Full PDB file with SEQRES, HELIX, SHEET, SSBOND, CRYST1, ORIGX, SCALE, CONECT and MASTER records, all heavy atoms in Angstrom:
SEQRES   1 A   45  ILE GLY LEU VAL ALA THR ILE ALA PHE GLY GLY THR VAL          
SEQRES   2 A   45  TYR ALA ASP PHE GLU ALA THR ARG GLY SER TYR GLN PRO          
SEQRES   3 A   45  ALA VAL THR LEU ALA ASP ALA PRO ALA ALA ASP PRO SER          
SEQRES   4 A   45  LEU ASP GLU GLN GLU ALA                                      
HELIX    1 AA1 GLY A    2  THR A   20  1                                  19    
HELIX    2 AA2 LEU A   30  ASP A   32  5                                   3    
CRYST1    1.000    1.000    1.000  90.00  90.00  90.00 P 1           1          
ORIGX1      1.000000  0.000000  0.000000        0.00000                         
ORIGX2      0.000000  1.000000  0.000000        0.00000                         
ORIGX3      0.000000  0.000000  1.000000        0.00000                         
SCALE1      1.000000  0.000000  0.000000        0.00000                         
SCALE2      0.000000  1.000000  0.000000        0.00000                         
SCALE3      0.000000  0.000000  1.000000        0.00000                         
ATOM      1  N   ILE A   1     109.521 146.745 128.810  1.00  0.00           N  
ATOM      2  CA  ILE A   1     109.143 146.983 127.443  1.00  0.00           C  
ATOM      3  C   ILE A   1     108.158 145.892 127.021  1.00  0.00           C  
ATOM      4  O   ILE A   1     107.235 146.149 126.256  1.00  0.00           O  
ATOM      5  CB  ILE A   1     110.391 147.043 126.635  1.00  0.00           C  
ATOM      6  CG1 ILE A   1     111.272 148.269 126.992  1.00  0.00           C  
ATOM      7  CG2 ILE A   1     110.050 147.180 125.058  1.00  0.00           C  
ATOM      8  CD1 ILE A   1     112.584 148.327 126.251  1.00  0.00           C  
ATOM      9  N   GLY A   2     108.530 144.651 127.344  1.00  0.00           N  
ATOM     10  CA  GLY A   2     107.717 143.508 126.914  1.00  0.00           C  
ATOM     11  C   GLY A   2     106.285 143.581 127.453  1.00  0.00           C  
ATOM     12  O   GLY A   2     105.296 143.245 126.713  1.00  0.00           O  
ATOM     13  N   LEU A   3     106.175 144.004 128.676  1.00  0.00           N  
ATOM     14  CA  LEU A   3     104.900 144.026 129.274  1.00  0.00           C  
ATOM     15  C   LEU A   3     103.960 145.142 128.699  1.00  0.00           C  
ATOM     16  O   LEU A   3     102.877 144.864 128.318  1.00  0.00           O  
ATOM     17  CB  LEU A   3     105.005 144.272 130.805  1.00  0.00           C  
ATOM     18  CG  LEU A   3     103.654 144.305 131.653  1.00  0.00           C  
ATOM     19  CD1 LEU A   3     102.927 143.055 131.555  1.00  0.00           C  
ATOM     20  CD2 LEU A   3     103.968 144.774 133.038  1.00  0.00           C  
ATOM     21  N   VAL A   4     104.639 146.253 128.449  1.00  0.00           N  
ATOM     22  CA  VAL A   4     103.839 147.379 127.872  1.00  0.00           C  
ATOM     23  C   VAL A   4     103.507 147.083 126.461  1.00  0.00           C  
ATOM     24  O   VAL A   4     102.405 147.295 125.978  1.00  0.00           O  
ATOM     25  CB  VAL A   4     104.575 148.757 127.909  1.00  0.00           C  
ATOM     26  CG1 VAL A   4     103.952 149.865 127.149  1.00  0.00           C  
ATOM     27  CG2 VAL A   4     104.856 149.181 129.385  1.00  0.00           C  
ATOM     28  N   ALA A   5     104.410 146.468 125.723  1.00  0.00           N  
ATOM     29  CA  ALA A   5     104.221 146.121 124.338  1.00  0.00           C  
ATOM     30  C   ALA A   5     103.123 145.088 124.156  1.00  0.00           C  
ATOM     31  O   ALA A   5     102.167 145.161 123.297  1.00  0.00           O  
ATOM     32  CB  ALA A   5     105.485 145.604 123.644  1.00  0.00           C  
ATOM     33  N   THR A   6     103.095 144.148 125.170  1.00  0.00           N  
ATOM     34  CA  THR A   6     102.020 143.058 125.144  1.00  0.00           C  
ATOM     35  C   THR A   6     100.656 143.701 125.485  1.00  0.00           C  
ATOM     36  O   THR A   6      99.630 143.421 124.687  1.00  0.00           O  
ATOM     37  CB  THR A   6     102.288 142.018 126.112  1.00  0.00           C  
ATOM     38  OG1 THR A   6     103.558 141.445 125.814  1.00  0.00           O  
ATOM     39  CG2 THR A   6     101.256 140.911 126.120  1.00  0.00           C  
ATOM     40  N   ILE A   7     100.600 144.557 126.415  1.00  0.00           N  
ATOM     41  CA  ILE A   7      99.363 145.090 126.785  1.00  0.00           C  
ATOM     42  C   ILE A   7      98.870 146.059 125.631  1.00  0.00           C  
ATOM     43  O   ILE A   7      97.641 146.200 125.312  1.00  0.00           O  
ATOM     44  CB  ILE A   7      99.391 145.930 128.031  1.00  0.00           C  
ATOM     45  CG1 ILE A   7      99.628 144.902 129.251  1.00  0.00           C  
ATOM     46  CG2 ILE A   7      98.177 146.873 128.370  1.00  0.00           C  
ATOM     47  CD1 ILE A   7      99.985 145.636 130.509  1.00  0.00           C  
ATOM     48  N   ALA A   8      99.842 146.852 124.990  1.00  0.00           N  
ATOM     49  CA  ALA A   8      99.482 147.708 123.884  1.00  0.00           C  
ATOM     50  C   ALA A   8      98.939 146.949 122.781  1.00  0.00           C  
ATOM     51  O   ALA A   8      97.878 147.311 122.152  1.00  0.00           O  
ATOM     52  CB  ALA A   8     100.667 148.515 123.515  1.00  0.00           C  
ATOM     53  N   PHE A   9      99.544 145.922 122.341  1.00  0.00           N  
ATOM     54  CA  PHE A   9      99.075 145.020 121.175  1.00  0.00           C  
ATOM     55  C   PHE A   9      97.739 144.446 121.515  1.00  0.00           C  
ATOM     56  O   PHE A   9      96.874 144.513 120.732  1.00  0.00           O  
ATOM     57  CB  PHE A   9     100.141 143.951 120.896  1.00  0.00           C  
ATOM     58  CG  PHE A   9      99.695 143.090 119.835  1.00  0.00           C  
ATOM     59  CD1 PHE A   9      99.743 143.366 118.532  1.00  0.00           C  
ATOM     60  CD2 PHE A   9      99.239 141.705 120.136  1.00  0.00           C  
ATOM     61  CE1 PHE A   9      99.356 142.615 117.396  1.00  0.00           C  
ATOM     62  CE2 PHE A   9      98.842 140.776 119.056  1.00  0.00           C  
ATOM     63  CZ  PHE A   9      98.861 141.362 117.793  1.00  0.00           C  
ATOM     64  N   GLY A  10      97.641 143.916 122.764  1.00  0.00           N  
ATOM     65  CA  GLY A  10      96.345 143.240 123.082  1.00  0.00           C  
ATOM     66  C   GLY A  10      95.157 144.250 123.184  1.00  0.00           C  
ATOM     67  O   GLY A  10      94.160 144.036 122.712  1.00  0.00           O  
ATOM     68  N   GLY A  11      95.548 145.436 123.725  1.00  0.00           N  
ATOM     69  CA  GLY A  11      94.542 146.563 123.773  1.00  0.00           C  
ATOM     70  C   GLY A  11      94.106 146.912 122.360  1.00  0.00           C  
ATOM     71  O   GLY A  11      92.857 147.163 122.110  1.00  0.00           O  
ATOM     72  N   THR A  12      94.932 147.037 121.341  1.00  0.00           N  
ATOM     73  CA  THR A  12      94.646 147.407 120.029  1.00  0.00           C  
ATOM     74  C   THR A  12      93.788 146.314 119.315  1.00  0.00           C  
ATOM     75  O   THR A  12      92.788 146.684 118.747  1.00  0.00           O  
ATOM     76  CB  THR A  12      95.891 147.622 119.231  1.00  0.00           C  
ATOM     77  OG1 THR A  12      96.760 148.557 119.858  1.00  0.00           O  
ATOM     78  CG2 THR A  12      95.545 147.979 117.827  1.00  0.00           C  
ATOM     79  N   VAL A  13      94.101 145.030 119.511  1.00  0.00           N  
ATOM     80  CA  VAL A  13      93.353 143.992 118.995  1.00  0.00           C  
ATOM     81  C   VAL A  13      91.895 144.016 119.556  1.00  0.00           C  
ATOM     82  O   VAL A  13      90.964 143.789 118.828  1.00  0.00           O  
ATOM     83  CB  VAL A  13      93.995 142.637 119.204  1.00  0.00           C  
ATOM     84  CG1 VAL A  13      93.117 141.437 118.862  1.00  0.00           C  
ATOM     85  CG2 VAL A  13      95.358 142.567 118.427  1.00  0.00           C  
ATOM     86  N   TYR A  14      91.831 144.200 120.844  1.00  0.00           N  
ATOM     87  CA  TYR A  14      90.500 144.203 121.559  1.00  0.00           C  
ATOM     88  C   TYR A  14      89.681 145.294 121.084  1.00  0.00           C  
ATOM     89  O   TYR A  14      88.482 145.190 120.789  1.00  0.00           O  
ATOM     90  CB  TYR A  14      90.685 144.242 123.002  1.00  0.00           C  
ATOM     91  CG  TYR A  14      89.398 144.260 123.753  1.00  0.00           C  
ATOM     92  CD1 TYR A  14      88.708 143.182 124.030  1.00  0.00           C  
ATOM     93  CD2 TYR A  14      88.883 145.484 124.256  1.00  0.00           C  
ATOM     94  CE1 TYR A  14      87.413 143.159 124.625  1.00  0.00           C  
ATOM     95  CE2 TYR A  14      87.614 145.554 124.940  1.00  0.00           C  
ATOM     96  CZ  TYR A  14      86.997 144.432 125.193  1.00  0.00           C  
ATOM     97  OH  TYR A  14      85.823 144.380 125.794  1.00  0.00           O  
ATOM     98  N   ALA A  15      90.323 146.532 120.926  1.00  0.00           N  
ATOM     99  CA  ALA A  15      89.517 147.716 120.426  1.00  0.00           C  
ATOM    100  C   ALA A  15      88.968 147.508 118.989  1.00  0.00           C  
ATOM    101  O   ALA A  15      87.912 147.878 118.640  1.00  0.00           O  
ATOM    102  CB  ALA A  15      90.421 148.905 120.491  1.00  0.00           C  
ATOM    103  N   ASP A  16      89.900 146.971 118.235  1.00  0.00           N  
ATOM    104  CA  ASP A  16      89.469 146.620 116.811  1.00  0.00           C  
ATOM    105  C   ASP A  16      88.208 145.608 116.866  1.00  0.00           C  
ATOM    106  O   ASP A  16      87.248 145.761 115.964  1.00  0.00           O  
ATOM    107  CB  ASP A  16      90.596 146.002 116.087  1.00  0.00           C  
ATOM    108  CG  ASP A  16      91.730 146.955 115.698  1.00  0.00           C  
ATOM    109  OD1 ASP A  16      91.404 148.176 116.025  1.00  0.00           O  
ATOM    110  OD2 ASP A  16      92.779 146.744 115.262  1.00  0.00           O  
ATOM    111  N   PHE A  17      88.346 144.641 117.652  1.00  0.00           N  
ATOM    112  CA  PHE A  17      87.189 143.643 117.720  1.00  0.00           C  
ATOM    113  C   PHE A  17      86.005 144.323 118.210  1.00  0.00           C  
ATOM    114  O   PHE A  17      84.988 144.030 117.594  1.00  0.00           O  
ATOM    115  CB  PHE A  17      87.652 142.475 118.670  1.00  0.00           C  
ATOM    116  CG  PHE A  17      86.568 141.621 119.012  1.00  0.00           C  
ATOM    117  CD1 PHE A  17      86.085 140.587 118.084  1.00  0.00           C  
ATOM    118  CD2 PHE A  17      85.949 141.649 120.241  1.00  0.00           C  
ATOM    119  CE1 PHE A  17      85.066 139.786 118.476  1.00  0.00           C  
ATOM    120  CE2 PHE A  17      84.847 140.796 120.637  1.00  0.00           C  
ATOM    121  CZ  PHE A  17      84.406 139.823 119.728  1.00  0.00           C  
ATOM    122  N   GLU A  18      86.099 145.154 119.184  1.00  0.00           N  
ATOM    123  CA  GLU A  18      84.848 145.831 119.650  1.00  0.00           C  
ATOM    124  C   GLU A  18      84.243 146.680 118.650  1.00  0.00           C  
ATOM    125  O   GLU A  18      83.012 146.941 118.465  1.00  0.00           O  
ATOM    126  CB  GLU A  18      85.201 146.613 120.870  1.00  0.00           C  
ATOM    127  CG  GLU A  18      85.394 145.851 122.177  1.00  0.00           C  
ATOM    128  CD  GLU A  18      84.103 145.135 122.615  1.00  0.00           C  
ATOM    129  OE1 GLU A  18      83.075 145.846 122.795  1.00  0.00           O  
ATOM    130  OE2 GLU A  18      84.171 143.964 122.765  1.00  0.00           O  
ATOM    131  N   ALA A  19      85.063 147.315 117.797  1.00  0.00           N  
ATOM    132  CA  ALA A  19      84.624 148.217 116.741  1.00  0.00           C  
ATOM    133  C   ALA A  19      83.837 147.464 115.622  1.00  0.00           C  
ATOM    134  O   ALA A  19      83.022 148.069 115.021  1.00  0.00           O  
ATOM    135  CB  ALA A  19      85.802 148.978 116.099  1.00  0.00           C  
ATOM    136  N   THR A  20      84.180 146.320 115.355  1.00  0.00           N  
ATOM    137  CA  THR A  20      83.543 145.516 114.293  1.00  0.00           C  
ATOM    138  C   THR A  20      82.342 144.556 114.847  1.00  0.00           C  
ATOM    139  O   THR A  20      81.642 143.939 114.062  1.00  0.00           O  
ATOM    140  CB  THR A  20      84.506 144.656 113.521  1.00  0.00           C  
ATOM    141  OG1 THR A  20      85.182 143.890 114.482  1.00  0.00           O  
ATOM    142  CG2 THR A  20      85.517 145.596 112.837  1.00  0.00           C  
ATOM    143  N   ARG A  21      82.272 144.510 116.183  1.00  0.00           N  
ATOM    144  CA  ARG A  21      81.224 143.569 116.728  1.00  0.00           C  
ATOM    145  C   ARG A  21      79.861 144.243 116.661  1.00  0.00           C  
ATOM    146  O   ARG A  21      79.737 145.509 116.722  1.00  0.00           O  
ATOM    147  CB  ARG A  21      81.478 143.403 118.212  1.00  0.00           C  
ATOM    148  CG  ARG A  21      80.725 142.293 118.807  1.00  0.00           C  
ATOM    149  CD  ARG A  21      81.216 141.979 120.206  1.00  0.00           C  
ATOM    150  NE  ARG A  21      80.926 142.975 121.111  1.00  0.00           N  
ATOM    151  CZ  ARG A  21      81.109 142.836 122.482  1.00  0.00           C  
ATOM    152  NH1 ARG A  21      81.469 141.763 123.041  1.00  0.00           N  
ATOM    153  NH2 ARG A  21      80.825 143.830 123.295  1.00  0.00           N  
ATOM    154  N   GLY A  22      78.904 143.536 116.473  1.00  0.00           N  
ATOM    155  CA  GLY A  22      77.464 143.920 116.356  1.00  0.00           C  
ATOM    156  C   GLY A  22      76.902 143.681 114.997  1.00  0.00           C  
ATOM    157  O   GLY A  22      77.628 143.349 114.050  1.00  0.00           O  
ATOM    158  N   SER A  23      75.701 144.189 114.773  1.00  0.00           N  
ATOM    159  CA  SER A  23      74.997 143.924 113.580  1.00  0.00           C  
ATOM    160  C   SER A  23      75.500 144.822 112.458  1.00  0.00           C  
ATOM    161  O   SER A  23      76.088 145.915 112.796  1.00  0.00           O  
ATOM    162  CB  SER A  23      73.504 144.044 113.707  1.00  0.00           C  
ATOM    163  OG  SER A  23      73.202 145.421 114.186  1.00  0.00           O  
ATOM    164  N   TYR A  24      75.392 144.466 111.294  1.00  0.00           N  
ATOM    165  CA  TYR A  24      75.808 145.285 110.090  1.00  0.00           C  
ATOM    166  C   TYR A  24      74.983 146.485 109.977  1.00  0.00           C  
ATOM    167  O   TYR A  24      73.744 146.493 110.104  1.00  0.00           O  
ATOM    168  CB  TYR A  24      75.740 144.421 108.848  1.00  0.00           C  
ATOM    169  CG  TYR A  24      76.151 145.285 107.604  1.00  0.00           C  
ATOM    170  CD1 TYR A  24      77.426 145.358 107.234  1.00  0.00           C  
ATOM    171  CD2 TYR A  24      75.182 145.800 106.734  1.00  0.00           C  
ATOM    172  CE1 TYR A  24      77.877 146.025 106.132  1.00  0.00           C  
ATOM    173  CE2 TYR A  24      75.542 146.462 105.725  1.00  0.00           C  
ATOM    174  CZ  TYR A  24      76.915 146.599 105.305  1.00  0.00           C  
ATOM    175  OH  TYR A  24      77.277 147.370 104.240  1.00  0.00           O  
ATOM    176  N   GLN A  25      75.638 147.698 109.767  1.00  0.00           N  
ATOM    177  CA  GLN A  25      74.920 148.861 109.584  1.00  0.00           C  
ATOM    178  C   GLN A  25      75.250 149.523 108.214  1.00  0.00           C  
ATOM    179  O   GLN A  25      76.407 149.721 107.913  1.00  0.00           O  
ATOM    180  CB  GLN A  25      75.256 149.995 110.651  1.00  0.00           C  
ATOM    181  CG  GLN A  25      75.083 149.503 112.114  1.00  0.00           C  
ATOM    182  CD  GLN A  25      73.534 149.301 112.397  1.00  0.00           C  
ATOM    183  OE1 GLN A  25      72.717 149.882 111.636  1.00  0.00           O  
ATOM    184  NE2 GLN A  25      73.229 148.488 113.373  1.00  0.00           N  
ATOM    185  N   PRO A  26      74.257 149.679 107.330  1.00  0.00           N  
ATOM    186  CA  PRO A  26      74.540 150.134 106.046  1.00  0.00           C  
ATOM    187  C   PRO A  26      74.862 151.602 105.912  1.00  0.00           C  
ATOM    188  O   PRO A  26      74.627 152.400 106.906  1.00  0.00           O  
ATOM    189  CB  PRO A  26      73.203 149.828 105.185  1.00  0.00           C  
ATOM    190  CG  PRO A  26      72.164 150.025 106.328  1.00  0.00           C  
ATOM    191  CD  PRO A  26      72.827 149.365 107.622  1.00  0.00           C  
ATOM    192  N   ALA A  27      75.468 152.002 104.845  1.00  0.00           N  
ATOM    193  CA  ALA A  27      75.804 153.425 104.701  1.00  0.00           C  
ATOM    194  C   ALA A  27      74.614 154.227 104.338  1.00  0.00           C  
ATOM    195  O   ALA A  27      73.620 153.659 103.788  1.00  0.00           O  
ATOM    196  CB  ALA A  27      76.908 153.595 103.598  1.00  0.00           C  
ATOM    197  N   VAL A  28      74.579 155.530 104.503  1.00  0.00           N  
ATOM    198  CA  VAL A  28      73.565 156.341 104.037  1.00  0.00           C  
ATOM    199  C   VAL A  28      73.575 156.509 102.547  1.00  0.00           C  
ATOM    200  O   VAL A  28      74.677 156.608 101.969  1.00  0.00           O  
ATOM    201  CB  VAL A  28      73.709 157.754 104.754  1.00  0.00           C  
ATOM    202  CG1 VAL A  28      72.568 158.782 104.252  1.00  0.00           C  
ATOM    203  CG2 VAL A  28      73.708 157.599 106.231  1.00  0.00           C  
ATOM    204  N   THR A  29      72.353 156.372 101.953  1.00  0.00           N  
ATOM    205  CA  THR A  29      72.228 156.583 100.428  1.00  0.00           C  
ATOM    206  C   THR A  29      71.230 157.639 100.152  1.00  0.00           C  
ATOM    207  O   THR A  29      70.452 158.159 101.098  1.00  0.00           O  
ATOM    208  CB  THR A  29      71.921 155.234  99.806  1.00  0.00           C  
ATOM    209  OG1 THR A  29      70.558 154.923 100.219  1.00  0.00           O  
ATOM    210  CG2 THR A  29      72.852 154.163 100.048  1.00  0.00           C  
ATOM    211  N   LEU A  30      71.034 157.997  98.933  1.00  0.00           N  
ATOM    212  CA  LEU A  30      70.024 158.995  98.547  1.00  0.00           C  
ATOM    213  C   LEU A  30      68.611 158.478  98.833  1.00  0.00           C  
ATOM    214  O   LEU A  30      67.711 159.267  99.062  1.00  0.00           O  
ATOM    215  CB  LEU A  30      70.207 159.259  97.021  1.00  0.00           C  
ATOM    216  CG  LEU A  30      71.383 160.152  96.637  1.00  0.00           C  
ATOM    217  CD1 LEU A  30      71.456 160.228  95.044  1.00  0.00           C  
ATOM    218  CD2 LEU A  30      71.482 161.431  97.259  1.00  0.00           C  
ATOM    219  N   ALA A  31      68.440 157.112  98.854  1.00  0.00           N  
ATOM    220  CA  ALA A  31      67.191 156.597  99.085  1.00  0.00           C  
ATOM    221  C   ALA A  31      66.675 156.815 100.528  1.00  0.00           C  
ATOM    222  O   ALA A  31      65.527 156.644 100.814  1.00  0.00           O  
ATOM    223  CB  ALA A  31      67.234 155.009  98.826  1.00  0.00           C  
ATOM    224  N   ASP A  32      67.741 157.177 101.420  1.00  0.00           N  
ATOM    225  CA  ASP A  32      67.287 157.501 102.773  1.00  0.00           C  
ATOM    226  C   ASP A  32      66.715 158.799 103.045  1.00  0.00           C  
ATOM    227  O   ASP A  32      66.070 159.111 104.019  1.00  0.00           O  
ATOM    228  CB  ASP A  32      68.535 157.371 103.705  1.00  0.00           C  
ATOM    229  CG  ASP A  32      69.113 155.977 103.720  1.00  0.00           C  
ATOM    230  OD1 ASP A  32      68.269 154.932 103.881  1.00  0.00           O  
ATOM    231  OD2 ASP A  32      70.375 155.826 103.567  1.00  0.00           O  
ATOM    232  N   ALA A  33      66.721 159.686 102.039  1.00  0.00           N  
ATOM    233  CA  ALA A  33      66.084 161.056 102.140  1.00  0.00           C  
ATOM    234  C   ALA A  33      64.686 160.967 101.805  1.00  0.00           C  
ATOM    235  O   ALA A  33      64.229 160.230 100.964  1.00  0.00           O  
ATOM    236  CB  ALA A  33      66.699 161.984 101.105  1.00  0.00           C  
ATOM    237  N   PRO A  34      63.832 161.576 102.633  1.00  0.00           N  
ATOM    238  CA  PRO A  34      62.378 161.457 102.477  1.00  0.00           C  
ATOM    239  C   PRO A  34      61.845 161.988 101.108  1.00  0.00           C  
ATOM    240  O   PRO A  34      60.836 161.455 100.621  1.00  0.00           O  
ATOM    241  CB  PRO A  34      61.825 162.195 103.655  1.00  0.00           C  
ATOM    242  CG  PRO A  34      62.949 163.216 103.995  1.00  0.00           C  
ATOM    243  CD  PRO A  34      64.146 162.469 103.739  1.00  0.00           C  
ATOM    244  N   ALA A  35      62.467 163.002 100.613  1.00  0.00           N  
ATOM    245  CA  ALA A  35      62.053 163.496  99.323  1.00  0.00           C  
ATOM    246  C   ALA A  35      63.190 164.206  98.661  1.00  0.00           C  
ATOM    247  O   ALA A  35      64.020 164.732  99.292  1.00  0.00           O  
ATOM    248  CB  ALA A  35      60.817 164.494  99.506  1.00  0.00           C  
ATOM    249  N   ALA A  36      63.167 164.143  97.299  1.00  0.00           N  
ATOM    250  CA  ALA A  36      64.248 164.756  96.516  1.00  0.00           C  
ATOM    251  C   ALA A  36      64.151 166.297  96.536  1.00  0.00           C  
ATOM    252  O   ALA A  36      62.952 166.879  96.663  1.00  0.00           O  
ATOM    253  CB  ALA A  36      64.241 164.320  95.128  1.00  0.00           C  
ATOM    254  N   ASP A  37      65.235 167.005  96.494  1.00  0.00           N  
ATOM    255  CA  ASP A  37      65.179 168.490  96.332  1.00  0.00           C  
ATOM    256  C   ASP A  37      65.917 168.809  95.040  1.00  0.00           C  
ATOM    257  O   ASP A  37      67.111 168.647  94.810  1.00  0.00           O  
ATOM    258  CB  ASP A  37      66.177 168.997  97.494  1.00  0.00           C  
ATOM    259  CG  ASP A  37      66.085 170.624  97.516  1.00  0.00           C  
ATOM    260  OD1 ASP A  37      65.765 171.134  96.447  1.00  0.00           O  
ATOM    261  OD2 ASP A  37      66.385 171.185  98.541  1.00  0.00           O  
ATOM    262  N   PRO A  38      65.120 169.267  94.082  1.00  0.00           N  
ATOM    263  CA  PRO A  38      65.670 169.476  92.665  1.00  0.00           C  
ATOM    264  C   PRO A  38      66.690 170.479  92.597  1.00  0.00           C  
ATOM    265  O   PRO A  38      67.413 170.589  91.622  1.00  0.00           O  
ATOM    266  CB  PRO A  38      64.337 169.936  91.877  1.00  0.00           C  
ATOM    267  CG  PRO A  38      63.390 170.458  92.955  1.00  0.00           C  
ATOM    268  CD  PRO A  38      63.635 169.606  94.127  1.00  0.00           C  
ATOM    269  N   SER A  39      66.844 171.406  93.634  1.00  0.00           N  
ATOM    270  CA  SER A  39      67.882 172.445  93.617  1.00  0.00           C  
ATOM    271  C   SER A  39      69.281 171.824  93.993  1.00  0.00           C  
ATOM    272  O   SER A  39      70.283 172.617  93.779  1.00  0.00           O  
ATOM    273  CB  SER A  39      67.531 173.624  94.589  1.00  0.00           C  
ATOM    274  OG  SER A  39      67.585 173.128  95.930  1.00  0.00           O  
ATOM    275  N   LEU A  40      69.305 170.664  94.361  1.00  0.00           N  
ATOM    276  CA  LEU A  40      70.606 170.085  94.863  1.00  0.00           C  
ATOM    277  C   LEU A  40      71.104 169.052  93.775  1.00  0.00           C  
ATOM    278  O   LEU A  40      70.374 168.280  93.186  1.00  0.00           O  
ATOM    279  CB  LEU A  40      70.539 169.271  96.146  1.00  0.00           C  
ATOM    280  CG  LEU A  40      69.895 170.155  97.333  1.00  0.00           C  
ATOM    281  CD1 LEU A  40      69.719 169.202  98.630  1.00  0.00           C  
ATOM    282  CD2 LEU A  40      70.733 171.384  97.586  1.00  0.00           C  
ATOM    283  N   ASP A  41      72.505 168.981  93.580  1.00  0.00           N  
ATOM    284  CA  ASP A  41      72.980 168.018  92.822  1.00  0.00           C  
ATOM    285  C   ASP A  41      73.095 166.664  93.552  1.00  0.00           C  
ATOM    286  O   ASP A  41      72.805 166.687  94.722  1.00  0.00           O  
ATOM    287  CB  ASP A  41      74.282 168.387  92.024  1.00  0.00           C  
ATOM    288  CG  ASP A  41      75.527 168.579  93.101  1.00  0.00           C  
ATOM    289  OD1 ASP A  41      75.337 167.934  94.165  1.00  0.00           O  
ATOM    290  OD2 ASP A  41      76.387 169.359  92.738  1.00  0.00           O  
ATOM    291  N   GLU A  42      73.604 165.598  92.912  1.00  0.00           N  
ATOM    292  CA  GLU A  42      73.566 164.346  93.527  1.00  0.00           C  
ATOM    293  C   GLU A  42      74.454 164.354  94.854  1.00  0.00           C  
ATOM    294  O   GLU A  42      74.099 163.775  95.906  1.00  0.00           O  
ATOM    295  CB  GLU A  42      74.161 163.271  92.626  1.00  0.00           C  
ATOM    296  CG  GLU A  42      74.011 161.847  93.114  1.00  0.00           C  
ATOM    297  CD  GLU A  42      74.352 160.819  92.096  1.00  0.00           C  
ATOM    298  OE1 GLU A  42      73.714 160.912  90.962  1.00  0.00           O  
ATOM    299  OE2 GLU A  42      75.246 160.019  92.331  1.00  0.00           O  
ATOM    300  N   GLN A  43      75.687 165.029  94.829  1.00  0.00           N  
ATOM    301  CA  GLN A  43      76.446 165.017  96.003  1.00  0.00           C  
ATOM    302  C   GLN A  43      75.929 165.863  97.058  1.00  0.00           C  
ATOM    303  O   GLN A  43      75.895 165.434  98.228  1.00  0.00           O  
ATOM    304  CB  GLN A  43      77.874 165.440  95.619  1.00  0.00           C  
ATOM    305  CG  GLN A  43      78.971 165.359  96.752  1.00  0.00           C  
ATOM    306  CD  GLN A  43      79.210 163.763  97.133  1.00  0.00           C  
ATOM    307  OE1 GLN A  43      79.173 162.981  96.259  1.00  0.00           O  
ATOM    308  NE2 GLN A  43      79.639 163.666  98.342  1.00  0.00           N  
ATOM    309  N   GLU A  44      75.286 166.956  96.793  1.00  0.00           N  
ATOM    310  CA  GLU A  44      74.652 167.842  97.761  1.00  0.00           C  
ATOM    311  C   GLU A  44      73.448 167.025  98.379  1.00  0.00           C  
ATOM    312  O   GLU A  44      73.168 167.162  99.564  1.00  0.00           O  
ATOM    313  CB  GLU A  44      74.106 169.116  97.117  1.00  0.00           C  
ATOM    314  CG  GLU A  44      75.308 170.129  96.752  1.00  0.00           C  
ATOM    315  CD  GLU A  44      74.823 171.289  95.975  1.00  0.00           C  
ATOM    316  OE1 GLU A  44      74.030 171.065  94.976  1.00  0.00           O  
ATOM    317  OE2 GLU A  44      75.085 172.443  96.344  1.00  0.00           O  
ATOM    318  N   ALA A  45      72.732 166.397  97.471  1.00  0.00           N  
ATOM    319  CA  ALA A  45      71.580 165.539  98.127  1.00  0.00           C  
ATOM    320  C   ALA A  45      72.032 164.541  99.052  1.00  0.00           C  
ATOM    321  O   ALA A  45      71.401 164.144  99.993  1.00  0.00           O  
ATOM    322  CB  ALA A  45      70.813 164.989  96.864  1.00  0.00           C  
TER     323      ALA A  45                                                      
MASTER        0    0    0    2    0    0    0    6  322    1    0    4          
END                                                                             
C-alpha cells in the first residue's frame, strides 16, 4: 500500500508539474478573430 501510494502521489505531482511547465499561453479572445461578423452576438463571435 505504501509503495503504490507513494508512486501514485509522486506521479500526480509530476503530471501537474508537466502540465504547467512551458511558456505562458493566453486565452482566445474576440481580438483573435480576423474580422467581425455582425450576424453573431458576442458569445457566438
